[in-house]
């Protein structure tokens, strides 16, 4: 908590521990967390075609639905914006601008 290089919000630290326990419990029950998340989009990347960065959303109805589902499983600090960022990081959504070389590569 005293190290300024780290997260010092006690609730976020506790949520991280809680979420790790939820993930362990989830998989202990024979479920793949990855498969669970990808099932929301039928295991296919959502292809977006944004022309400008300011058109890329911070959250969507889908990320809100996933957020609610995760909270029902006991996860904390998983709001729609965090979930959407996670979806982008996992490649669940292709939000590269159409002008970006990665957009075409990922559209595959």
C-alpha atoms as a PDB file:
ATOM      1  CA  UNK A   1       0.000   0.000   0.000  1.00  0.00           C
ATOM      2  CA  UNK A   2       2.937   2.363   0.556  1.00  0.00           C
ATOM      3  CA  UNK A   3       4.606   1.691  -2.800  1.00  0.00           C
ATOM      4  CA  UNK A   4       3.532   4.503  -5.156  1.00  0.00           C
ATOM      5  CA  UNK A   5       4.442   2.359  -8.182  1.00  0.00           C
ATOM      6  CA  UNK A   6       1.618  -0.051  -7.378  1.00  0.00           C
ATOM      7  CA  UNK A   7      -2.144   0.167  -7.045  1.00  0.00           C
ATOM      8  CA  UNK A   8      -2.799   1.436  -3.562  1.00  0.00           C
ATOM      9  CA  UNK A   9      -6.571   1.343  -3.551  1.00  0.00           C
ATOM     10  CA  UNK A  10      -7.433  -1.272  -0.935  1.00  0.00           C
ATOM     11  CA  UNK A  11     -10.742  -2.157  -2.618  1.00  0.00           C
ATOM     12  CA  UNK A  12      -8.999  -2.803  -5.939  1.00  0.00           C
ATOM     13  CA  UNK A  13      -6.376  -4.977  -4.265  1.00  0.00           C
ATOM     14  CA  UNK A  14      -9.088  -6.961  -2.488  1.00  0.00           C
ATOM     15  CA  UNK A  15     -11.056  -7.217  -5.755  1.00  0.00           C
ATOM     16  CA  UNK A  16      -7.985  -8.617  -7.515  1.00  0.00           C
ATOM     17  CA  UNK A  17      -7.692 -11.348  -4.907  1.00  0.00           C
ATOM     18  CA  UNK A  18     -11.446 -11.974  -5.031  1.00  0.00           C
ATOM     19  CA  UNK A  19     -11.432 -12.190  -8.830  1.00  0.00           C
ATOM     20  CA  UNK A  20      -8.544 -14.654  -8.783  1.00  0.00           C
ATOM     21  CA  UNK A  21     -10.538 -16.813  -6.359  1.00  0.00           C
ATOM     22  CA  UNK A  22     -13.634 -16.542  -8.587  1.00  0.00           C
ATOM     23  CA  UNK A  23     -11.582 -17.581 -11.600  1.00  0.00           C
ATOM     24  CA  UNK A  24     -10.134 -20.572  -9.740  1.00  0.00           C
ATOM     25  CA  UNK A  25     -13.618 -21.580  -8.588  1.00  0.00           C
ATOM     26  CA  UNK A  26     -14.983 -21.130 -12.103  1.00  0.00           C
ATOM     27  CA  UNK A  27     -12.382 -23.446 -13.595  1.00  0.00           C
ATOM     28  CA  UNK A  28     -12.509 -25.854 -10.640  1.00  0.00           C
ATOM     29  CA  UNK A  29     -16.135 -26.471 -11.636  1.00  0.00           C
ATOM     30  CA  UNK A  30     -14.944 -27.653 -15.054  1.00  0.00           C
ATOM     31  CA  UNK A  31     -15.566 -24.433 -16.975  1.00  0.00           C
ATOM     32  CA  UNK A  32     -13.088 -22.659 -19.213  1.00  0.00           C
ATOM     33  CA  UNK A  33     -13.162 -18.940 -18.453  1.00  0.00           C
ATOM     34  CA  UNK A  34     -11.884 -18.207 -21.945  1.00  0.00           C
ATOM     35  CA  UNK A  35     -14.643 -20.296 -23.535  1.00  0.00           C
ATOM     36  CA  UNK A  36     -17.170 -18.579 -21.281  1.00  0.00           C
ATOM     37  CA  UNK A  37     -16.152 -15.102 -22.462  1.00  0.00           C
ATOM     38  CA  UNK A  38     -15.926 -16.094 -26.126  1.00  0.00           C
ATOM     39  CA  UNK A  39     -19.351 -17.763 -25.934  1.00  0.00           C
ATOM     40  CA  UNK A  40     -20.903 -14.302 -25.723  1.00  0.00           C
ATOM     41  CA  UNK A  41     -19.821 -13.734 -29.343  1.00  0.00           C
ATOM     42  CA  UNK A  42     -20.118 -17.322 -30.612  1.00  0.00           C
ATOM     43  CA  UNK A  43     -16.311 -17.674 -30.546  1.00  0.00           C
ATOM     44  CA  UNK A  44     -15.890 -15.265 -33.491  1.00  0.00           C
ATOM     45  CA  UNK A  45     -14.163 -11.888 -33.363  1.00  0.00           C
ATOM     46  CA  UNK A  46     -16.496  -8.943 -33.830  1.00  0.00           C
ATOM     47  CA  UNK A  47     -15.256  -6.935 -36.799  1.00  0.00           C
ATOM     48  CA  UNK A  48     -15.737  -3.198 -36.505  1.00  0.00           C
ATOM     49  CA  UNK A  49     -14.980  -0.706 -39.270  1.00  0.00           C
ATOM     50  CA  UNK A  50     -14.257   2.592 -37.584  1.00  0.00           C
ATOM     51  CA  UNK A  51     -12.809   5.433 -39.633  1.00  0.00           C
ATOM     52  CA  UNK A  52     -11.899   7.683 -36.682  1.00  0.00           C
ATOM     53  CA  UNK A  53     -10.618   7.007 -33.186  1.00  0.00           C
ATOM     54  CA  UNK A  54     -13.354   9.068 -31.543  1.00  0.00           C
ATOM     55  CA  UNK A  55     -15.933   6.636 -32.963  1.00  0.00           C
ATOM     56  CA  UNK A  56     -14.490   3.643 -31.076  1.00  0.00           C
ATOM     57  CA  UNK A  57     -16.721   3.085 -28.039  1.00  0.00           C
ATOM     58  CA  UNK A  58     -15.478   2.791 -24.475  1.00  0.00           C
ATOM     59  CA  UNK A  59     -18.239   0.285 -23.747  1.00  0.00           C
ATOM     60  CA  UNK A  60     -21.083  -1.466 -25.539  1.00  0.00           C
ATOM     61  CA  UNK A  61     -24.326  -3.206 -24.688  1.00  0.00           C
ATOM     62  CA  UNK A  62     -22.418  -6.479 -25.005  1.00  0.00           C
ATOM     63  CA  UNK A  63     -19.703  -5.406 -22.549  1.00  0.00           C
ATOM     64  CA  UNK A  64     -22.450  -4.317 -20.162  1.00  0.00           C
ATOM     65  CA  UNK A  65     -24.104  -7.746 -20.439  1.00  0.00           C
ATOM     66  CA  UNK A  66     -20.803  -9.536 -19.851  1.00  0.00           C
ATOM     67  CA  UNK A  67     -20.093  -7.253 -16.890  1.00  0.00           C
ATOM     68  CA  UNK A  68     -23.433  -8.168 -15.314  1.00  0.00           C
ATOM     69  CA  UNK A  69     -22.801 -11.865 -15.922  1.00  0.00           C
ATOM     70  CA  UNK A  70     -19.347 -11.681 -14.315  1.00  0.00           C
ATOM     71  CA  UNK A  71     -20.765  -9.880 -11.293  1.00  0.00           C
ATOM     72  CA  UNK A  72     -23.301 -12.695 -10.881  1.00  0.00           C
ATOM     73  CA  UNK A  73     -20.299 -15.039 -10.662  1.00  0.00           C
ATOM     74  CA  UNK A  74     -18.869 -12.876  -7.866  1.00  0.00           C
ATOM     75  CA  UNK A  75     -16.309 -10.847  -9.826  1.00  0.00           C
ATOM     76  CA  UNK A  76     -15.706  -7.249  -8.723  1.00  0.00           C
ATOM     77  CA  UNK A  77     -14.457  -4.110 -10.509  1.00  0.00           C
ATOM     78  CA  UNK A  78     -15.588  -5.534 -13.842  1.00  0.00           C
ATOM     79  CA  UNK A  79     -17.668  -2.671 -15.198  1.00  0.00           C
ATOM     80  CA  UNK A  80     -18.599  -2.379 -18.878  1.00  0.00           C
ATOM     81  CA  UNK A  81     -15.581  -0.188 -19.738  1.00  0.00           C
ATOM     82  CA  UNK A  82     -13.104  -2.579 -18.110  1.00  0.00           C
ATOM     83  CA  UNK A  83     -14.802  -5.507 -19.825  1.00  0.00           C
ATOM     84  CA  UNK A  84     -14.692  -3.782 -23.219  1.00  0.00           C
ATOM     85  CA  UNK A  85     -10.989  -3.030 -22.794  1.00  0.00           C
ATOM     86  CA  UNK A  86     -10.463  -6.692 -21.941  1.00  0.00           C
ATOM     87  CA  UNK A  87     -12.426  -7.715 -25.037  1.00  0.00           C
ATOM     88  CA  UNK A  88     -10.152  -5.514 -27.148  1.00  0.00           C
ATOM     89  CA  UNK A  89      -7.029  -6.938 -25.531  1.00  0.00           C
ATOM     90  CA  UNK A  90      -8.199 -10.525 -26.099  1.00  0.00           C
ATOM     91  CA  UNK A  91      -9.073  -9.841 -29.721  1.00  0.00           C
ATOM     92  CA  UNK A  92     -12.769 -10.433 -29.175  1.00  0.00           C
ATOM     93  CA  UNK A  93     -13.381  -7.161 -31.031  1.00  0.00           C
ATOM     94  CA  UNK A  94     -11.328  -5.726 -33.869  1.00  0.00           C
ATOM     95  CA  UNK A  95     -11.383  -1.999 -33.172  1.00  0.00           C
ATOM     96  CA  UNK A  96      -8.337  -1.129 -35.261  1.00  0.00           C
ATOM     97  CA  UNK A  97      -9.187   1.774 -37.529  1.00  0.00           C
ATOM     98  CA  UNK A  98      -9.811   0.843 -41.155  1.00  0.00           C
ATOM     99  CA  UNK A  99      -6.677   2.799 -42.076  1.00  0.00           C
ATOM    100  CA  UNK A 100      -4.527   0.670 -39.731  1.00  0.00           C
ATOM    101  CA  UNK A 101      -2.599  -2.204 -41.332  1.00  0.00           C
ATOM    102  CA  UNK A 102      -3.696  -4.489 -38.458  1.00  0.00           C
ATOM    103  CA  UNK A 103      -7.368  -4.019 -39.311  1.00  0.00           C
ATOM    104  CA  UNK A 104      -7.041  -5.976 -42.559  1.00  0.00           C
ATOM    105  CA  UNK A 105      -4.710  -8.561 -41.001  1.00  0.00           C
ATOM    106  CA  UNK A 106      -7.150  -9.318 -38.225  1.00  0.00           C
ATOM    107  CA  UNK A 107     -10.196  -9.266 -40.439  1.00  0.00           C
ATOM    108  CA  UNK A 108      -8.818 -12.354 -42.144  1.00  0.00           C
END
